[in-house]
Amino acid sequence: MTNVVDAIWHGLLGSEAEPQTRRELVRHLVTVHLVLYAGVVMLFLATAWAVRHSGGRRALAIPFAGAAIQLAGEVWHAYSHLQFRPNPFPELAGFVGLAVVIVATIVAGRGARGAAIERRLQRSPQGR
């Protein structure tokens, strides 16, 4: 959702809507990007919480690493904006980090579902 808002702002409104002063840029980051930043922080906190409460399962370390990469990329992105030096690499880092979280979560979920089904089959009379 946040990427849609950002795409509309930058793509549809055009370059004439781009901030020209530091004050305009801060206002832009606080309004247009704030939802994105809140989502990135919440994903990082959620994966950190999951790792802390995982009981030692290492599979959750990968989504946490992806969330950390995304957070670092978005901080770098905001900093490069504030320096008026646009850079595509922070956005790429943010996207790659998010992709890592999504793929690792799907893979971990499939593995957990498979293990749960296997346990159920072993306990059922039909599975013996």
C-alpha atoms as a PDB file:
ATOM      1  CA  MET A   1       0.000   0.000   0.000  1.00  0.00           C
ATOM      2  CA  THR A   2       2.748   2.419   0.914  1.00  0.00           C
ATOM      3  CA  ASN A   3       4.540   1.785  -2.361  1.00  0.00           C
ATOM      4  CA  VAL A   4       1.321   2.704  -4.192  1.00  0.00           C
ATOM      5  CA  VAL A   5       1.164   6.037  -2.343  1.00  0.00           C
ATOM      6  CA  ASP A   6       4.833   6.672  -3.150  1.00  0.00           C
ATOM      7  CA  ALA A   7       4.347   5.714  -6.814  1.00  0.00           C
ATOM      8  CA  ILE A   8       1.350   8.032  -7.136  1.00  0.00           C
ATOM      9  CA  TRP A   9       3.282  10.886  -5.545  1.00  0.00           C
ATOM     10  CA  HIS A  10       6.417  10.465  -7.638  1.00  0.00           C
ATOM     11  CA  GLY A  11       4.931   8.990 -10.811  1.00  0.00           C
ATOM     12  CA  LEU A  12       1.584  10.646 -11.380  1.00  0.00           C
ATOM     13  CA  LEU A  13       2.219  14.053  -9.847  1.00  0.00           C
ATOM     14  CA  GLY A  14       5.454  14.408 -11.764  1.00  0.00           C
ATOM     15  CA  SER A  15       8.721  16.143 -11.023  1.00  0.00           C
ATOM     16  CA  GLU A  16       7.062  19.530 -10.468  1.00  0.00           C
ATOM     17  CA  ALA A  17       5.773  18.115  -7.162  1.00  0.00           C
ATOM     18  CA  GLU A  18       9.266  17.195  -5.996  1.00  0.00           C
ATOM     19  CA  PRO A  19      10.430  19.110  -2.903  1.00  0.00           C
ATOM     20  CA  GLN A  20      12.944  21.861  -3.640  1.00  0.00           C
ATOM     21  CA  THR A  21      13.984  22.923  -0.123  1.00  0.00           C
ATOM     22  CA  ARG A  22      14.999  20.949   2.966  1.00  0.00           C
ATOM     23  CA  ARG A  23      11.786  22.060   4.715  1.00  0.00           C
ATOM     24  CA  GLU A  24       9.647  20.809   1.810  1.00  0.00           C
ATOM     25  CA  LEU A  25      11.629  17.580   1.768  1.00  0.00           C
ATOM     26  CA  VAL A  26      11.131  16.957   5.480  1.00  0.00           C
ATOM     27  CA  ARG A  27       7.408  17.625   5.047  1.00  0.00           C
ATOM     28  CA  HIS A  28       7.383  15.192   2.098  1.00  0.00           C
ATOM     29  CA  LEU A  29       9.170  12.488   4.104  1.00  0.00           C
ATOM     30  CA  VAL A  30       6.868  12.968   7.103  1.00  0.00           C
ATOM     31  CA  THR A  31       3.690  12.858   5.021  1.00  0.00           C
ATOM     32  CA  VAL A  32       4.204  10.640   1.974  1.00  0.00           C
ATOM     33  CA  HIS A  33       6.864   8.324   3.403  1.00  0.00           C
ATOM     34  CA  LEU A  34       5.684   8.151   7.031  1.00  0.00           C
ATOM     35  CA  VAL A  35       3.331   5.228   6.400  1.00  0.00           C
ATOM     36  CA  LEU A  36       6.155   3.348   4.692  1.00  0.00           C
ATOM     37  CA  TYR A  37       8.558   4.069   7.546  1.00  0.00           C
ATOM     38  CA  ALA A  38       5.991   2.963  10.134  1.00  0.00           C
ATOM     39  CA  GLY A  39       5.477  -0.306   8.263  1.00  0.00           C
ATOM     40  CA  VAL A  40       9.213  -0.940   7.995  1.00  0.00           C
ATOM     41  CA  VAL A  41       9.720  -0.336  11.726  1.00  0.00           C
ATOM     42  CA  MET A  42       6.744  -2.551  12.623  1.00  0.00           C
ATOM     43  CA  LEU A  43       8.041  -5.382  10.416  1.00  0.00           C
ATOM     44  CA  PHE A  44      11.452  -5.100  12.058  1.00  0.00           C
ATOM     45  CA  LEU A  45       9.917  -5.150  15.548  1.00  0.00           C
ATOM     46  CA  ALA A  46       7.626  -8.073  14.695  1.00  0.00           C
ATOM     47  CA  THR A  47      10.471 -10.195  13.350  1.00  0.00           C
ATOM     48  CA  ALA A  48      12.662  -9.245  16.319  1.00  0.00           C
ATOM     49  CA  TRP A  49       9.857 -10.308  18.679  1.00  0.00           C
ATOM     50  CA  ALA A  50       9.397 -13.582  16.772  1.00  0.00           C
ATOM     51  CA  VAL A  51      13.114 -14.376  16.946  1.00  0.00           C
ATOM     52  CA  ARG A  52      13.185 -13.616  20.672  1.00  0.00           C
ATOM     53  CA  HIS A  53      10.210 -15.867  21.354  1.00  0.00           C
ATOM     54  CA  SER A  54      11.039 -18.619  18.861  1.00  0.00           C
ATOM     55  CA  GLY A  55      12.563 -21.047  21.330  1.00  0.00           C
ATOM     56  CA  GLY A  56      15.871 -21.225  19.499  1.00  0.00           C
ATOM     57  CA  ARG A  57      14.576 -21.908  15.981  1.00  0.00           C
ATOM     58  CA  ARG A  58      17.072 -20.460  13.537  1.00  0.00           C
ATOM     59  CA  ALA A  59      14.614 -20.223  10.627  1.00  0.00           C
ATOM     60  CA  LEU A  60      13.315 -16.908  11.977  1.00  0.00           C
ATOM     61  CA  ALA A  61      16.767 -15.339  11.800  1.00  0.00           C
ATOM     62  CA  ILE A  62      16.448 -15.009   8.019  1.00  0.00           C
ATOM     63  CA  PRO A  63      13.237 -12.916   8.055  1.00  0.00           C
ATOM     64  CA  PHE A  64      14.768 -10.806  10.842  1.00  0.00           C
ATOM     65  CA  ALA A  65      17.891 -10.232   8.735  1.00  0.00           C
ATOM     66  CA  GLY A  66      15.682  -9.218   5.795  1.00  0.00           C
ATOM     67  CA  ALA A  67      13.752  -6.783   7.989  1.00  0.00           C
ATOM     68  CA  ALA A  68      17.037  -5.327   9.255  1.00  0.00           C
ATOM     69  CA  ILE A  69      18.253  -4.878   5.660  1.00  0.00           C
ATOM     70  CA  GLN A  70      14.983  -3.179   4.739  1.00  0.00           C
ATOM     71  CA  LEU A  71      15.208  -0.867   7.767  1.00  0.00           C
ATOM     72  CA  ALA A  72      18.813   0.055   6.955  1.00  0.00           C
ATOM     73  CA  GLY A  73      17.862   0.689   3.319  1.00  0.00           C
ATOM     74  CA  GLU A  74      14.999   3.009   4.270  1.00  0.00           C
ATOM     75  CA  VAL A  75      17.145   4.943   6.752  1.00  0.00           C
ATOM     76  CA  TRP A  76      19.795   5.299   4.043  1.00  0.00           C
ATOM     77  CA  HIS A  77      17.083   6.343   1.562  1.00  0.00           C
ATOM     78  CA  ALA A  78      15.759   9.072   3.885  1.00  0.00           C
ATOM     79  CA  TYR A  79      19.304  10.293   4.558  1.00  0.00           C
ATOM     80  CA  SER A  80      20.140  10.486   0.845  1.00  0.00           C
ATOM     81  CA  HIS A  81      16.911  12.425   0.281  1.00  0.00           C
ATOM     82  CA  LEU A  82      17.812  14.902   3.018  1.00  0.00           C
ATOM     83  CA  GLN A  83      21.220  15.392   1.406  1.00  0.00           C
ATOM     84  CA  PHE A  84      19.533  16.041  -1.980  1.00  0.00           C
ATOM     85  CA  ARG A  85      21.527  13.159  -3.433  1.00  0.00           C
ATOM     86  CA  PRO A  86      18.985  10.654  -4.782  1.00  0.00           C
ATOM     87  CA  ASN A  87      20.396   7.165  -4.849  1.00  0.00           C
ATOM     88  CA  PRO A  88      18.640   4.016  -6.134  1.00  0.00           C
ATOM     89  CA  PHE A  89      20.664   1.610  -3.979  1.00  0.00           C
ATOM     90  CA  PRO A  90      18.890   2.326  -0.661  1.00  0.00           C
ATOM     91  CA  GLU A  91      15.526   1.633  -2.278  1.00  0.00           C
ATOM     92  CA  LEU A  92      16.947  -1.554  -3.775  1.00  0.00           C
ATOM     93  CA  ALA A  93      18.208  -2.623  -0.334  1.00  0.00           C
ATOM     94  CA  GLY A  94      14.758  -1.957   1.125  1.00  0.00           C
ATOM     95  CA  PHE A  95      13.072  -3.985  -1.607  1.00  0.00           C
ATOM     96  CA  VAL A  96      15.545  -6.879  -1.317  1.00  0.00           C
ATOM     97  CA  GLY A  97      15.126  -6.919   2.460  1.00  0.00           C
ATOM     98  CA  LEU A  98      11.348  -7.076   2.137  1.00  0.00           C
ATOM     99  CA  ALA A  99      11.610  -9.839  -0.487  1.00  0.00           C
ATOM    100  CA  VAL A 100      13.836 -11.858   1.870  1.00  0.00           C
ATOM    101  CA  VAL A 101      11.262 -11.498   4.660  1.00  0.00           C
ATOM    102  CA  ILE A 102       8.388 -12.578   2.422  1.00  0.00           C
ATOM    103  CA  VAL A 103      10.148 -15.587   0.860  1.00  0.00           C
ATOM    104  CA  ALA A 104      11.659 -16.791   4.153  1.00  0.00           C
ATOM    105  CA  THR A 105       8.295 -16.497   5.912  1.00  0.00           C
ATOM    106  CA  ILE A 106       6.518 -18.467   3.178  1.00  0.00           C
ATOM    107  CA  VAL A 107       9.181 -21.177   3.218  1.00  0.00           C
ATOM    108  CA  ALA A 108       9.144 -21.397   7.028  1.00  0.00           C
ATOM    109  CA  GLY A 109       5.341 -21.540   7.032  1.00  0.00           C
ATOM    110  CA  ARG A 110       5.281 -24.383   4.529  1.00  0.00           C
ATOM    111  CA  GLY A 111       7.850 -26.288   6.563  1.00  0.00           C
ATOM    112  CA  ALA A 112       5.868 -25.787   9.761  1.00  0.00           C
ATOM    113  CA  ARG A 113       2.608 -26.868   8.088  1.00  0.00           C
ATOM    114  CA  GLY A 114       4.295 -29.950   6.659  1.00  0.00           C
ATOM    115  CA  ALA A 115       5.676 -30.915  10.055  1.00  0.00           C
ATOM    116  CA  ALA A 116       2.270 -30.403  11.707  1.00  0.00           C
ATOM    117  CA  ILE A 117       0.548 -32.571   9.090  1.00  0.00           C
ATOM    118  CA  GLU A 118       3.175 -35.271   9.550  1.00  0.00           C
ATOM    119  CA  ARG A 119       2.642 -35.272  13.348  1.00  0.00           C
ATOM    120  CA  ARG A 120      -1.133 -35.486  12.881  1.00  0.00           C
ATOM    121  CA  LEU A 121      -0.772 -38.410  10.494  1.00  0.00           C
ATOM    122  CA  GLN A 122       1.478 -40.269  12.915  1.00  0.00           C
ATOM    123  CA  ARG A 123      -1.080 -39.875  15.726  1.00  0.00           C
ATOM    124  CA  SER A 124      -4.127 -40.833  13.668  1.00  0.00           C
ATOM    125  CA  PRO A 125      -5.214 -44.454  13.200  1.00  0.00           C
ATOM    126  CA  GLN A 126      -5.180 -44.029   9.404  1.00  0.00           C
ATOM    127  CA  GLY A 127      -1.578 -42.780   9.415  1.00  0.00           C
ATOM    128  CA  ARG A 128      -0.136 -45.800  11.230  1.00  0.00           C
END
